[in-house]
Amino acid sequence: MPTPDDQPIYKIAPAALWRAAERAGRFEGAPVDIADGFIHFSTAEQARETAAKHFRGQADLLLVAVDPGKLGPALLWEPSRGGALFPHLYGALDLAAVISVEPLPLNPDGSHSFPETIP
């Protein structure tokens, strides 16, 4: 079972929304996050499935890697798809916790091309 400090967690975000967060100095979440009351993240192992399920065919996305150890008690690991534990942040994301921001290019078939660091 993952713990908050083990590995980076990932947020897939529309580029325009993320750039607005960079200007503001914090990420409040995408509309779905705000509606659910927390920011949805995925582990490296979950990121491809998340992209396929929720972002298929969407261009201009970014893959944001976050250090979960910098998020404190607002980060909870909760069951979701099939009982798997997903990281959920109950509060805004302080951009100081961001490790990297990379493009998530769209392939011709509507899937996304992930960096080699994502299994």
PDB file of N, CA and C in Angstrom:
ATOM      1  N   MET A   1       0.851  -1.190   0.000  1.00  0.00           N
ATOM      2  CA  MET A   1       0.000   0.000   0.000  1.00  0.00           C
ATOM      3  C   MET A   1       0.890   1.244   0.000  1.00  0.00           C
ATOM      4  N   PRO A   2       0.647   2.188  -0.889  1.00  0.00           N
ATOM      5  CA  PRO A   2       1.481   3.390  -0.926  1.00  0.00           C
ATOM      6  C   PRO A   2       1.259   4.254   0.299  1.00  0.00           C
ATOM      7  N   THR A   3       2.281   4.962   0.646  1.00  0.00           N
ATOM      8  CA  THR A   3       2.169   5.942   1.720  1.00  0.00           C
ATOM      9  C   THR A   3       2.493   7.310   1.136  1.00  0.00           C
ATOM     10  N   PRO A   4       2.084   8.372   1.782  1.00  0.00           N
ATOM     11  CA  PRO A   4       2.230   9.701   1.197  1.00  0.00           C
ATOM     12  C   PRO A   4       3.658  10.097   0.819  1.00  0.00           C
ATOM     13  N   ASP A   5       4.677   9.508   1.400  1.00  0.00           N
ATOM     14  CA  ASP A   5       6.039   9.953   1.117  1.00  0.00           C
ATOM     15  C   ASP A   5       6.796   9.054   0.151  1.00  0.00           C
ATOM     16  N   ASP A   6       6.186   7.959  -0.332  1.00  0.00           N
ATOM     17  CA  ASP A   6       6.917   6.983  -1.136  1.00  0.00           C
ATOM     18  C   ASP A   6       7.379   7.490  -2.494  1.00  0.00           C
ATOM     19  N   GLN A   7       6.462   7.909  -3.322  1.00  0.00           N
ATOM     20  CA  GLN A   7       6.730   8.256  -4.720  1.00  0.00           C
ATOM     21  C   GLN A   7       5.918   9.489  -5.105  1.00  0.00           C
ATOM     22  N   PRO A   8       6.335  10.155  -6.193  1.00  0.00           N
ATOM     23  CA  PRO A   8       5.519  11.286  -6.652  1.00  0.00           C
ATOM     24  C   PRO A   8       4.098  10.840  -6.985  1.00  0.00           C
ATOM     25  N   ILE A   9       3.181  11.770  -6.862  1.00  0.00           N
ATOM     26  CA  ILE A   9       1.813  11.562  -7.322  1.00  0.00           C
ATOM     27  C   ILE A   9       1.588  12.529  -8.469  1.00  0.00           C
ATOM     28  N   TYR A  10       0.543  12.270  -9.265  1.00  0.00           N
ATOM     29  CA  TYR A  10       0.373  13.002 -10.515  1.00  0.00           C
ATOM     30  C   TYR A  10      -1.019  13.585 -10.659  1.00  0.00           C
ATOM     31  N   LYS A  11      -1.046  14.768 -11.240  1.00  0.00           N
ATOM     32  CA  LYS A  11      -2.287  15.445 -11.606  1.00  0.00           C
ATOM     33  C   LYS A  11      -2.247  15.693 -13.106  1.00  0.00           C
ATOM     34  N   ILE A  12      -3.291  15.286 -13.798  1.00  0.00           N
ATOM     35  CA  ILE A  12      -3.436  15.611 -15.210  1.00  0.00           C
ATOM     36  C   ILE A  12      -4.319  16.848 -15.270  1.00  0.00           C
ATOM     37  N   ALA A  13      -3.799  17.895 -15.894  1.00  0.00           N
ATOM     38  CA  ALA A  13      -4.523  19.170 -15.889  1.00  0.00           C
ATOM     39  C   ALA A  13      -4.486  19.820 -17.268  1.00  0.00           C
ATOM     40  N   PRO A  14      -5.572  20.466 -17.659  1.00  0.00           N
ATOM     41  CA  PRO A  14      -5.537  21.268 -18.883  1.00  0.00           C
ATOM     42  C   PRO A  14      -4.479  22.363 -18.746  1.00  0.00           C
ATOM     43  N   ALA A  15      -3.727  22.580 -19.809  1.00  0.00           N
ATOM     44  CA  ALA A  15      -2.622  23.543 -19.754  1.00  0.00           C
ATOM     45  C   ALA A  15      -3.086  24.935 -19.325  1.00  0.00           C
ATOM     46  N   ALA A  16      -4.195  25.412 -19.866  1.00  0.00           N
ATOM     47  CA  ALA A  16      -4.662  26.766 -19.522  1.00  0.00           C
ATOM     48  C   ALA A  16      -5.003  26.878 -18.039  1.00  0.00           C
ATOM     49  N   LEU A  17      -5.615  25.848 -17.492  1.00  0.00           N
ATOM     50  CA  LEU A  17      -5.964  25.854 -16.073  1.00  0.00           C
ATOM     51  C   LEU A  17      -4.706  25.840 -15.210  1.00  0.00           C
ATOM     52  N   TRP A  18      -3.718  25.043 -15.616  1.00  0.00           N
ATOM     53  CA  TRP A  18      -2.478  24.966 -14.851  1.00  0.00           C
ATOM     54  C   TRP A  18      -1.702  26.282 -14.933  1.00  0.00           C
ATOM     55  N   ARG A  19      -1.653  26.886 -16.102  1.00  0.00           N
ATOM     56  CA  ARG A  19      -0.930  28.159 -16.244  1.00  0.00           C
ATOM     57  C   ARG A  19      -1.576  29.239 -15.371  1.00  0.00           C
ATOM     58  N   ALA A  20      -2.891  29.215 -15.252  1.00  0.00           N
ATOM     59  CA  ALA A  20      -3.578  30.156 -14.353  1.00  0.00           C
ATOM     60  C   ALA A  20      -3.177  29.898 -12.908  1.00  0.00           C
ATOM     61  N   ALA A  21      -3.037  28.633 -12.546  1.00  0.00           N
ATOM     62  CA  ALA A  21      -2.605  28.285 -11.186  1.00  0.00           C
ATOM     63  C   ALA A  21      -1.182  28.777 -10.938  1.00  0.00           C
ATOM     64  N   GLU A  22      -0.325  28.656 -11.935  1.00  0.00           N
ATOM     65  CA  GLU A  22       1.055  29.144 -11.779  1.00  0.00           C
ATOM     66  C   GLU A  22       1.061  30.648 -11.528  1.00  0.00           C
ATOM     67  N   ARG A  23       0.208  31.367 -12.229  1.00  0.00           N
ATOM     68  CA  ARG A  23       0.137  32.818 -12.004  1.00  0.00           C
ATOM     69  C   ARG A  23      -0.395  33.134 -10.601  1.00  0.00           C
ATOM     70  N   ALA A  24      -1.322  32.314 -10.119  1.00  0.00           N
ATOM     71  CA  ALA A  24      -1.921  32.528  -8.795  1.00  0.00           C
ATOM     72  C   ALA A  24      -1.041  32.009  -7.661  1.00  0.00           C
ATOM     73  N   GLY A  25      -0.111  31.108  -7.992  1.00  0.00           N
ATOM     74  CA  GLY A  25       0.762  30.549  -6.966  1.00  0.00           C
ATOM     75  C   GLY A  25       0.184  29.348  -6.241  1.00  0.00           C
ATOM     76  N   ARG A  26      -0.984  28.882  -6.674  1.00  0.00           N
ATOM     77  CA  ARG A  26      -1.619  27.701  -6.065  1.00  0.00           C
ATOM     78  C   ARG A  26      -2.661  27.148  -7.021  1.00  0.00           C
ATOM     79  N   PHE A  27      -2.910  25.851  -6.899  1.00  0.00           N
ATOM     80  CA  PHE A  27      -3.885  25.185  -7.744  1.00  0.00           C
ATOM     81  C   PHE A  27      -5.077  24.806  -6.884  1.00  0.00           C
ATOM     82  N   GLU A  28      -6.214  25.389  -7.218  1.00  0.00           N
ATOM     83  CA  GLU A  28      -7.442  25.139  -6.450  1.00  0.00           C
ATOM     84  C   GLU A  28      -8.166  23.888  -6.921  1.00  0.00           C
ATOM     85  N   GLY A  29      -7.795  23.394  -8.110  1.00  0.00           N
ATOM     86  CA  GLY A  29      -8.422  22.204  -8.655  1.00  0.00           C
ATOM     87  C   GLY A  29      -9.168  22.491  -9.934  1.00  0.00           C
ATOM     88  N   ALA A  30      -9.411  21.426 -10.675  1.00  0.00           N
ATOM     89  CA  ALA A  30     -10.235  21.489 -11.876  1.00  0.00           C
ATOM     90  C   ALA A  30     -11.700  21.497 -11.440  1.00  0.00           C
ATOM     91  N   PRO A  31     -12.625  21.796 -12.339  1.00  0.00           N
ATOM     92  CA  PRO A  31     -14.039  21.800 -11.948  1.00  0.00           C
ATOM     93  C   PRO A  31     -14.492  20.511 -11.251  1.00  0.00           C
ATOM     94  N   VAL A  32     -14.037  19.352 -11.715  1.00  0.00           N
ATOM     95  CA  VAL A  32     -14.435  18.092 -11.063  1.00  0.00           C
ATOM     96  C   VAL A  32     -13.890  18.019  -9.639  1.00  0.00           C
ATOM     97  N   ASP A  33     -12.675  18.538  -9.435  1.00  0.00           N
ATOM     98  CA  ASP A  33     -12.096  18.540  -8.087  1.00  0.00           C
ATOM     99  C   ASP A  33     -12.918  19.429  -7.155  1.00  0.00           C
ATOM    100  N   ILE A  34     -13.239  20.594  -7.636  1.00  0.00           N
ATOM    101  CA  ILE A  34     -14.004  21.539  -6.822  1.00  0.00           C
ATOM    102  C   ILE A  34     -15.369  20.951  -6.484  1.00  0.00           C
ATOM    103  N   ALA A  35     -16.005  20.305  -7.463  1.00  0.00           N
ATOM    104  CA  ALA A  35     -17.315  19.679  -7.220  1.00  0.00           C
ATOM    105  C   ALA A  35     -17.219  18.548  -6.197  1.00  0.00           C
ATOM    106  N   ASP A  36     -16.114  17.779  -6.242  1.00  0.00           N
ATOM    107  CA  ASP A  36     -15.953  16.639  -5.326  1.00  0.00           C
ATOM    108  C   ASP A  36     -15.403  17.038  -3.957  1.00  0.00           C
ATOM    109  N   GLY A  37     -14.861  18.240  -3.845  1.00  0.00           N
ATOM    110  CA  GLY A  37     -14.356  18.710  -2.563  1.00  0.00           C
ATOM    111  C   GLY A  37     -12.910  18.325  -2.278  1.00  0.00           C
ATOM    112  N   PHE A  38     -12.211  17.799  -3.273  1.00  0.00           N
ATOM    113  CA  PHE A  38     -10.795  17.465  -3.118  1.00  0.00           C
ATOM    114  C   PHE A  38     -10.153  17.405  -4.496  1.00  0.00           C
ATOM    115  N   ILE A  39      -8.814  17.521  -4.526  1.00  0.00           N
ATOM    116  CA  ILE A  39      -8.084  17.423  -5.785  1.00  0.00           C
ATOM    117  C   ILE A  39      -7.712  15.964  -6.001  1.00  0.00           C
ATOM    118  N   HIS A  40      -8.119  15.441  -7.153  1.00  0.00           N
ATOM    119  CA  HIS A  40      -7.826  14.059  -7.525  1.00  0.00           C
ATOM    120  C   HIS A  40      -6.384  13.946  -8.016  1.00  0.00           C
ATOM    121  N   PHE A  41      -5.657  12.980  -7.499  1.00  0.00           N
ATOM    122  CA  PHE A  41      -4.321  12.642  -7.982  1.00  0.00           C
ATOM    123  C   PHE A  41      -4.297  11.166  -8.320  1.00  0.00           C
ATOM    124  N   SER A  42      -3.235  10.752  -9.003  1.00  0.00           N
ATOM    125  CA  SER A  42      -3.001   9.343  -9.315  1.00  0.00           C
ATOM    126  C   SER A  42      -1.560   9.003  -8.994  1.00  0.00           C
ATOM    127  N   THR A  43      -1.312   7.747  -8.691  1.00  0.00           N
ATOM    128  CA  THR A  43       0.064   7.269  -8.599  1.00  0.00           C
ATOM    129  C   THR A  43       0.582   7.068 -10.018  1.00  0.00           C
ATOM    130  N   ALA A  44       1.870   6.794 -10.160  1.00  0.00           N
ATOM    131  CA  ALA A  44       2.437   6.509 -11.480  1.00  0.00           C
ATOM    132  C   ALA A  44       1.716   5.333 -12.118  1.00  0.00           C
ATOM    133  N   GLU A  45       1.400   4.330 -11.321  1.00  0.00           N
ATOM    134  CA  GLU A  45       0.730   3.139 -11.831  1.00  0.00           C
ATOM    135  C   GLU A  45      -0.712   3.410 -12.258  1.00  0.00           C
ATOM    136  N   GLN A  46      -1.336   4.420 -11.706  1.00  0.00           N
ATOM    137  CA  GLN A  46      -2.737   4.732 -11.990  1.00  0.00           C
ATOM    138  C   GLN A  46      -2.915   5.796 -13.083  1.00  0.00           C
ATOM    139  N   ALA A  47      -1.855   6.524 -13.405  1.00  0.00           N
ATOM    140  CA  ALA A  47      -1.976   7.697 -14.267  1.00  0.00           C
ATOM    141  C   ALA A  47      -2.483   7.365 -15.669  1.00  0.00           C
ATOM    142  N   ARG A  48      -1.995   6.288 -16.264  1.00  0.00           N
ATOM    143  CA  ARG A  48      -2.440   5.939 -17.624  1.00  0.00           C
ATOM    144  C   ARG A  48      -3.931   5.608 -17.653  1.00  0.00           C
ATOM    145  N   GLU A  49      -4.379   4.848 -16.660  1.00  0.00           N
ATOM    146  CA  GLU A  49      -5.805   4.495 -16.599  1.00  0.00           C
ATOM    147  C   GLU A  49      -6.655   5.745 -16.377  1.00  0.00           C
ATOM    148  N   THR A  50      -6.177   6.639 -15.524  1.00  0.00           N
ATOM    149  CA  THR A  50      -6.896   7.893 -15.290  1.00  0.00           C
ATOM    150  C   THR A  50      -7.007   8.691 -16.585  1.00  0.00           C
ATOM    151  N   ALA A  51      -5.914   8.781 -17.324  1.00  0.00           N
ATOM    152  CA  ALA A  51      -5.935   9.514 -18.591  1.00  0.00           C
ATOM    153  C   ALA A  51      -6.916   8.875 -19.565  1.00  0.00           C
ATOM    154  N   ALA A  52      -6.890   7.555 -19.659  1.00  0.00           N
ATOM    155  CA  ALA A  52      -7.771   6.855 -20.592  1.00  0.00           C
ATOM    156  C   ALA A  52      -9.236   7.016 -20.205  1.00  0.00           C
ATOM    157  N   LYS A  53      -9.518   6.965 -18.923  1.00  0.00           N
ATOM    158  CA  LYS A  53     -10.904   7.012 -18.455  1.00  0.00           C
ATOM    159  C   LYS A  53     -11.500   8.422 -18.478  1.00  0.00           C
ATOM    160  N   HIS A  54     -10.690   9.412 -18.116  1.00  0.00           N
ATOM    161  CA  HIS A  54     -11.233  10.763 -17.928  1.00  0.00           C
ATOM    162  C   HIS A  54     -10.766  11.810 -18.946  1.00  0.00           C
ATOM    163  N   PHE A  55      -9.698  11.516 -19.699  1.00  0.00           N
ATOM    164  CA  PHE A  55      -9.115  12.541 -20.567  1.00  0.00           C
ATOM    165  C   PHE A  55      -8.907  12.093 -22.014  1.00  0.00           C
ATOM    166  N   ARG A  56      -9.378  10.927 -22.380  1.00  0.00           N
ATOM    167  CA  ARG A  56      -9.161  10.407 -23.736  1.00  0.00           C
ATOM    168  C   ARG A  56      -9.611  11.434 -24.779  1.00  0.00           C
ATOM    169  N   GLY A  57      -8.742  11.674 -25.743  1.00  0.00           N
ATOM    170  CA  GLY A  57      -9.048  12.584 -26.836  1.00  0.00           C
ATOM    171  C   GLY A  57      -8.838  14.057 -26.525  1.00  0.00           C
ATOM    172  N   GLN A  58      -8.477  14.379 -25.296  1.00  0.00           N
ATOM    173  CA  GLN A  58      -8.285  15.786 -24.916  1.00  0.00           C
ATOM    174  C   GLN A  58      -6.838  16.202 -25.162  1.00  0.00           C
ATOM    175  N   ALA A  59      -6.670  17.284 -25.892  1.00  0.00           N
ATOM    176  CA  ALA A  59      -5.338  17.835 -26.169  1.00  0.00           C
ATOM    177  C   ALA A  59      -4.992  18.904 -25.136  1.00  0.00           C
ATOM    178  N   ASP A  60      -3.776  19.380 -25.214  1.00  0.00           N
ATOM    179  CA  ASP A  60      -3.281  20.474 -24.367  1.00  0.00           C
ATOM    180  C   ASP A  60      -3.365  20.155 -22.878  1.00  0.00           C
ATOM    181  N   LEU A  61      -2.945  18.929 -22.533  1.00  0.00           N
ATOM    182  CA  LEU A  61      -2.898  18.525 -21.131  1.00  0.00           C
ATOM    183  C   LEU A  61      -1.462  18.523 -20.630  1.00  0.00           C
ATOM    184  N   LEU A  62      -1.335  18.674 -19.330  1.00  0.00           N
ATOM    185  CA  LEU A  62      -0.039  18.605 -18.667  1.00  0.00           C
ATOM    186  C   LEU A  62      -0.078  17.508 -17.619  1.00  0.00           C
ATOM    187  N   LEU A  63       1.077  16.897 -17.390  1.00  0.00           N
ATOM    188  CA  LEU A  63       1.244  15.921 -16.333  1.00  0.00           C
ATOM    189  C   LEU A  63       2.083  16.580 -15.247  1.00  0.00           C
ATOM    190  N   VAL A  64       1.461  16.816 -14.114  1.00  0.00           N
ATOM    191  CA  VAL A  64       2.101  17.527 -13.006  1.00  0.00           C
ATOM    192  C   VAL A  64       2.512  16.506 -11.955  1.00  0.00           C
ATOM    193  N   ALA A  65       3.810  16.425 -11.678  1.00  0.00           N
ATOM    194  CA  ALA A  65       4.332  15.532 -10.646  1.00  0.00           C
ATOM    195  C   ALA A  65       4.456  16.318  -9.348  1.00  0.00           C
ATOM    196  N   VAL A  66       3.985  15.707  -8.259  1.00  0.00           N
ATOM    197  CA  VAL A  66       3.924  16.386  -6.965  1.00  0.00           C
ATOM    198  C   VAL A  66       4.585  15.510  -5.903  1.00  0.00           C
ATOM    199  N   ASP A  67       5.301  16.148  -5.002  1.00  0.00           N
ATOM    200  CA  ASP A  67       5.914  15.457  -3.863  1.00  0.00           C
ATOM    201  C   ASP A  67       4.854  15.334  -2.767  1.00  0.00           C
ATOM    202  N   PRO A  68       4.332  14.126  -2.544  1.00  0.00           N
ATOM    203  CA  PRO A  68       3.266  13.981  -1.556  1.00  0.00           C
ATOM    204  C   PRO A  68       3.733  14.258  -0.131  1.00  0.00           C
ATOM    205  N   GLY A  69       5.017  14.129   0.118  1.00  0.00           N
ATOM    206  CA  GLY A  69       5.553  14.403   1.449  1.00  0.00           C
ATOM    207  C   GLY A  69       5.434  15.867   1.858  1.00  0.00           C
ATOM    208  N   LYS A  70       5.196  16.738   0.883  1.00  0.00           N
ATOM    209  CA  LYS A  70       5.059  18.172   1.171  1.00  0.00           C
ATOM    210  C   LYS A  70       3.613  18.614   1.332  1.00  0.00           C
ATOM    211  N   LEU A  71       2.680  17.665   1.272  1.00  0.00           N
ATOM    212  CA  LEU A  71       1.260  18.033   1.307  1.00  0.00           C
ATOM    213  C   LEU A  71       0.631  17.935   2.691  1.00  0.00           C
ATOM    214  N   GLY A  72       1.297  17.260   3.603  1.00  0.00           N
ATOM    215  CA  GLY A  72       0.803  17.191   4.972  1.00  0.00           C
ATOM    216  C   GLY A  72      -0.471  16.383   5.134  1.00  0.00           C
ATOM    217  N   PRO A  73      -1.190  16.626   6.232  1.00  0.00           N
ATOM    218  CA  PRO A  73      -2.369  15.820   6.556  1.00  0.00           C
ATOM    219  C   PRO A  73      -3.570  16.049   5.648  1.00  0.00           C
ATOM    220  N   ALA A  74      -3.509  17.056   4.770  1.00  0.00           N
ATOM    221  CA  ALA A  74      -4.610  17.287   3.831  1.00  0.00           C
ATOM    222  C   ALA A  74      -4.646  16.225   2.733  1.00  0.00           C
ATOM    223  N   LEU A  75      -3.558  15.437   2.604  1.00  0.00           N
ATOM    224  CA  LEU A  75      -3.507  14.360   1.614  1.00  0.00           C
ATOM    225  C   LEU A  75      -3.983  13.070   2.260  1.00  0.00           C
ATOM    226  N   LEU A  76      -5.031  12.503   1.696  1.00  0.00           N
ATOM    227  CA  LEU A  76      -5.557  11.229   2.187  1.00  0.00           C
ATOM    228  C   LEU A  76      -5.546  10.211   1.060  1.00  0.00           C
ATOM    229  N   TRP A  77      -5.264   8.957   1.406  1.00  0.00           N
ATOM    230  CA  TRP A  77      -5.309   7.848   0.454  1.00  0.00           C
ATOM    231  C   TRP A  77      -6.638   7.143   0.667  1.00  0.00           C
ATOM    232  N   GLU A  78      -7.498   7.212  -0.359  1.00  0.00           N
ATOM    233  CA  GLU A  78      -8.860   6.705  -0.210  1.00  0.00           C
ATOM    234  C   GLU A  78      -9.204   5.721  -1.326  1.00  0.00           C
ATOM    235  N   PRO A  79     -10.048   4.735  -1.017  1.00  0.00           N
ATOM    236  CA  PRO A  79     -10.435   3.757  -2.043  1.00  0.00           C
ATOM    237  C   PRO A  79     -11.270   4.402  -3.148  1.00  0.00           C
ATOM    238  N   SER A  80     -11.001   3.955  -4.363  1.00  0.00           N
ATOM    239  CA  SER A  80     -11.757   4.420  -5.515  1.00  0.00           C
ATOM    240  C   SER A  80     -11.953   3.234  -6.440  1.00  0.00           C
ATOM    241  N   ARG A  81     -11.620   3.394  -7.724  1.00  0.00           N
ATOM    242  CA  ARG A  81     -11.826   2.325  -8.707  1.00  0.00           C
ATOM    243  C   ARG A  81     -11.368   0.969  -8.192  1.00  0.00           C
ATOM    244  N   GLY A  82     -12.277   0.029  -8.111  1.00  0.00           N
ATOM    245  CA  GLY A  82     -11.922  -1.326  -7.741  1.00  0.00           C
ATOM    246  C   GLY A  82     -11.287  -1.448  -6.367  1.00  0.00           C
ATOM    247  N   GLY A  83     -11.486  -0.457  -5.513  1.00  0.00           N
ATOM    248  CA  GLY A  83     -10.917  -0.504  -4.178  1.00  0.00           C
ATOM    249  C   GLY A  83      -9.476  -0.017  -4.091  1.00  0.00           C
ATOM    250  N   ALA A  84      -8.876   0.358  -5.226  1.00  0.00           N
ATOM    251  CA  ALA A  84      -7.507   0.876  -5.204  1.00  0.00           C
ATOM    252  C   ALA A  84      -7.462   2.183  -4.423  1.00  0.00           C
ATOM    253  N   LEU A  85      -6.366   2.416  -3.732  1.00  0.00           N
ATOM    254  CA  LEU A  85      -6.206   3.658  -2.989  1.00  0.00           C
ATOM    255  C   LEU A  85      -5.690   4.754  -3.912  1.00  0.00           C
ATOM    256  N   PHE A  86      -6.389   5.865  -3.915  1.00  0.00           N
ATOM    257  CA  PHE A  86      -5.993   7.029  -4.709  1.00  0.00           C
ATOM    258  C   PHE A  86      -5.676   8.183  -3.773  1.00  0.00           C
ATOM    259  N   PRO A  87      -4.680   9.006  -4.126  1.00  0.00           N
ATOM    260  CA  PRO A  87      -4.373  10.188  -3.316  1.00  0.00           C
ATOM    261  C   PRO A  87      -5.354  11.322  -3.609  1.00  0.00           C
ATOM    262  N   HIS A  88      -5.939  11.861  -2.558  1.00  0.00           N
ATOM    263  CA  HIS A  88      -6.879  12.984  -2.655  1.00  0.00           C
ATOM    264  C   HIS A  88      -6.388  14.096  -1.742  1.00  0.00           C
ATOM    265  N   LEU A  89      -6.301  15.298  -2.267  1.00  0.00           N
ATOM    266  CA  LEU A  89      -5.848  16.446  -1.483  1.00  0.00           C
ATOM    267  C   LEU A  89      -7.047  17.312  -1.118  1.00  0.00           C
ATOM    268  N   TYR A  90      -7.290  17.430   0.169  1.00  0.00           N
ATOM    269  CA  TYR A  90      -8.396  18.239   0.688  1.00  0.00           C
ATOM    270  C   TYR A  90      -7.886  19.645   0.978  1.00  0.00           C
ATOM    271  N   GLY A  91      -7.797  20.432  -0.064  1.00  0.00           N
ATOM    272  CA  GLY A  91      -7.299  21.794   0.025  1.00  0.00           C
ATOM    273  C   GLY A  91      -6.581  22.143  -1.258  1.00  0.00           C
ATOM    274  N   ALA A  92      -6.120  23.363  -1.343  1.00  0.00           N
ATOM    275  CA  ALA A  92      -5.402  23.811  -2.528  1.00  0.00           C
ATOM    276  C   ALA A  92      -4.002  23.211  -2.560  1.00  0.00           C
ATOM    277  N   LEU A  93      -3.488  23.038  -3.765  1.00  0.00           N
ATOM    278  CA  LEU A  93      -2.130  22.540  -3.952  1.00  0.00           C
ATOM    279  C   LEU A  93      -1.167  23.714  -3.939  1.00  0.00           C
ATOM    280  N   ASP A  94      -0.270  23.729  -2.964  1.00  0.00           N
ATOM    281  CA  ASP A  94       0.800  24.721  -2.914  1.00  0.00           C
ATOM    282  C   ASP A  94       1.813  24.329  -3.983  1.00  0.00           C
ATOM    283  N   LEU A  95       2.128  25.225  -4.898  1.00  0.00           N
ATOM    284  CA  LEU A  95       3.002  24.886  -6.005  1.00  0.00           C
ATOM    285  C   LEU A  95       4.431  24.582  -5.583  1.00  0.00           C
ATOM    286  N   ALA A  96       4.781  24.858  -4.339  1.00  0.00           N
ATOM    287  CA  ALA A  96       6.105  24.486  -3.828  1.00  0.00           C
ATOM    288  C   ALA A  96       6.264  22.961  -3.776  1.00  0.00           C
ATOM    289  N   ALA A  97       5.159  22.228  -3.797  1.00  0.00           N
ATOM    290  CA  ALA A  97       5.215  20.764  -3.763  1.00  0.00           C
ATOM    291  C   ALA A  97       5.382  20.152  -5.150  1.00  0.00           C
ATOM    292  N   VAL A  98       5.330  20.972  -6.190  1.00  0.00           N
ATOM    293  CA  VAL A  98       5.418  20.475  -7.565  1.00  0.00           C
ATOM    294  C   VAL A  98       6.868  20.138  -7.908  1.00  0.00           C
ATOM    295  N   ILE A  99       7.058  18.942  -8.428  1.00  0.00           N
ATOM    296  CA  ILE A  99       8.383  18.467  -8.837  1.00  0.00           C
ATOM    297  C   ILE A  99       8.644  18.821 -10.298  1.00  0.00           C
ATOM    298  N   SER A 100       7.652  18.564 -11.150  1.00  0.00           N
ATOM    299  CA  SER A 100       7.814  18.836 -12.577  1.00  0.00           C
ATOM    300  C   SER A 100       6.454  18.995 -13.236  1.00  0.00           C
ATOM    301  N   VAL A 101       6.484  19.645 -14.389  1.00  0.00           N
ATOM    302  CA  VAL A 101       5.290  19.816 -15.222  1.00  0.00           C
ATOM    303  C   VAL A 101       5.717  19.485 -16.644  1.00  0.00           C
ATOM    304  N   GLU A 102       5.086  18.454 -17.219  1.00  0.00           N
ATOM    305  CA  GLU A 102       5.458  18.010 -18.558  1.00  0.00           C
ATOM    306  C   GLU A 102       4.228  17.946 -19.453  1.00  0.00           C
ATOM    307  N   PRO A 103       4.420  18.187 -20.744  1.00  0.00           N
ATOM    308  CA  PRO A 103       3.299  18.026 -21.676  1.00  0.00           C
ATOM    309  C   PRO A 103       2.851  16.565 -21.705  1.00  0.00           C
ATOM    310  N   LEU A 104       1.582  16.365 -21.948  1.00  0.00           N
ATOM    311  CA  LEU A 104       1.011  15.026 -22.101  1.00  0.00           C
ATOM    312  C   LEU A 104       0.402  14.969 -23.506  1.00  0.00           C
ATOM    313  N   PRO A 105       1.271  14.724 -24.510  1.00  0.00           N
ATOM    314  CA  PRO A 105       0.811  14.798 -25.902  1.00  0.00           C
ATOM    315  C   PRO A 105      -0.264  13.774 -26.229  1.00  0.00           C
ATOM    316  N   LEU A 106      -1.105  14.176 -27.149  1.00  0.00           N
ATOM    317  CA  LEU A 106      -2.196  13.326 -27.612  1.00  0.00           C
ATOM    318  C   LEU A 106      -1.720  12.510 -28.810  1.00  0.00           C
ATOM    319  N   ASN A 107      -1.921  11.203 -28.748  1.00  0.00           N
ATOM    320  CA  ASN A 107      -1.604  10.315 -29.862  1.00  0.00           C
ATOM    321  C   ASN A 107      -2.756  10.344 -30.867  1.00  0.00           C
ATOM    322  N   PRO A 108      -2.500   9.929 -32.124  1.00  0.00           N
ATOM    323  CA  PRO A 108      -3.561   9.921 -33.141  1.00  0.00           C
ATOM    324  C   PRO A 108      -4.789   9.097 -32.740  1.00  0.00           C
ATOM    325  N   ASP A 109      -4.604   8.071 -31.897  1.00  0.00           N
ATOM    326  CA  ASP A 109      -5.743   7.225 -31.507  1.00  0.00           C
ATOM    327  C   ASP A 109      -6.524   7.774 -30.317  1.00  0.00           C
ATOM    328  N   GLY A 110      -6.160   8.966 -29.826  1.00  0.00           N
ATOM    329  CA  GLY A 110      -6.876   9.576 -28.709  1.00  0.00           C
ATOM    330  C   GLY A 110      -6.285   9.275 -27.357  1.00  0.00           C
ATOM    331  N   SER A 111      -5.302   8.367 -27.294  1.00  0.00           N
ATOM    332  CA  SER A 111      -4.602   8.090 -26.035  1.00  0.00           C
ATOM    333  C   SER A 111      -3.514   9.151 -25.846  1.00  0.00           C
ATOM    334  N   HIS A 112      -2.856   9.113 -24.700  1.00  0.00           N
ATOM    335  CA  HIS A 112      -1.818  10.090 -24.409  1.00  0.00           C
ATOM    336  C   HIS A 112      -0.453   9.424 -24.347  1.00  0.00           C
ATOM    337  N   SER A 113       0.556  10.172 -24.705  1.00  0.00           N
ATOM    338  CA  SER A 113       1.926   9.684 -24.684  1.00  0.00           C
ATOM    339  C   SER A 113       2.579  10.139 -23.382  1.00  0.00           C
ATOM    340  N   PHE A 114       2.842   9.170 -22.505  1.00  0.00           N
ATOM    341  CA  PHE A 114       3.404   9.455 -21.191  1.00  0.00           C
ATOM    342  C   PHE A 114       4.925   9.442 -21.228  1.00  0.00           C
ATOM    343  N   PRO A 115       5.568  10.175 -20.317  1.00  0.00           N
ATOM    344  CA  PRO A 115       7.017  10.095 -20.205  1.00  0.00           C
ATOM    345  C   PRO A 115       7.445   8.672 -19.829  1.00  0.00           C
ATOM    346  N   GLU A 116       8.663   8.319 -20.144  1.00  0.00           N
ATOM    347  CA  GLU A 116       9.166   6.981 -19.855  1.00  0.00           C
ATOM    348  C   GLU A 116       9.192   6.679 -18.356  1.00  0.00           C
ATOM    349  N   THR A 117       9.171   7.699 -17.526  1.00  0.00           N
ATOM    350  CA  THR A 117       9.211   7.484 -16.069  1.00  0.00           C
ATOM    351  C   THR A 117       7.898   6.935 -15.516  1.00  0.00           C
ATOM    352  N   ILE A 118       6.840   6.958 -16.314  1.00  0.00           N
ATOM    353  CA  ILE A 118       5.543   6.436 -15.882  1.00  0.00           C
ATOM    354  C   ILE A 118       5.396   5.032 -16.447  1.00  0.00           C
ATOM    355  N   PRO A 119       5.180   4.042 -15.575  1.00  0.00           N
ATOM    356  CA  PRO A 119       5.087   2.648 -16.074  1.00  0.00           C
ATOM    357  C   PRO A 119       3.924   2.423 -17.032  1.00  0.00           C
TER     358      PRO A 119
END
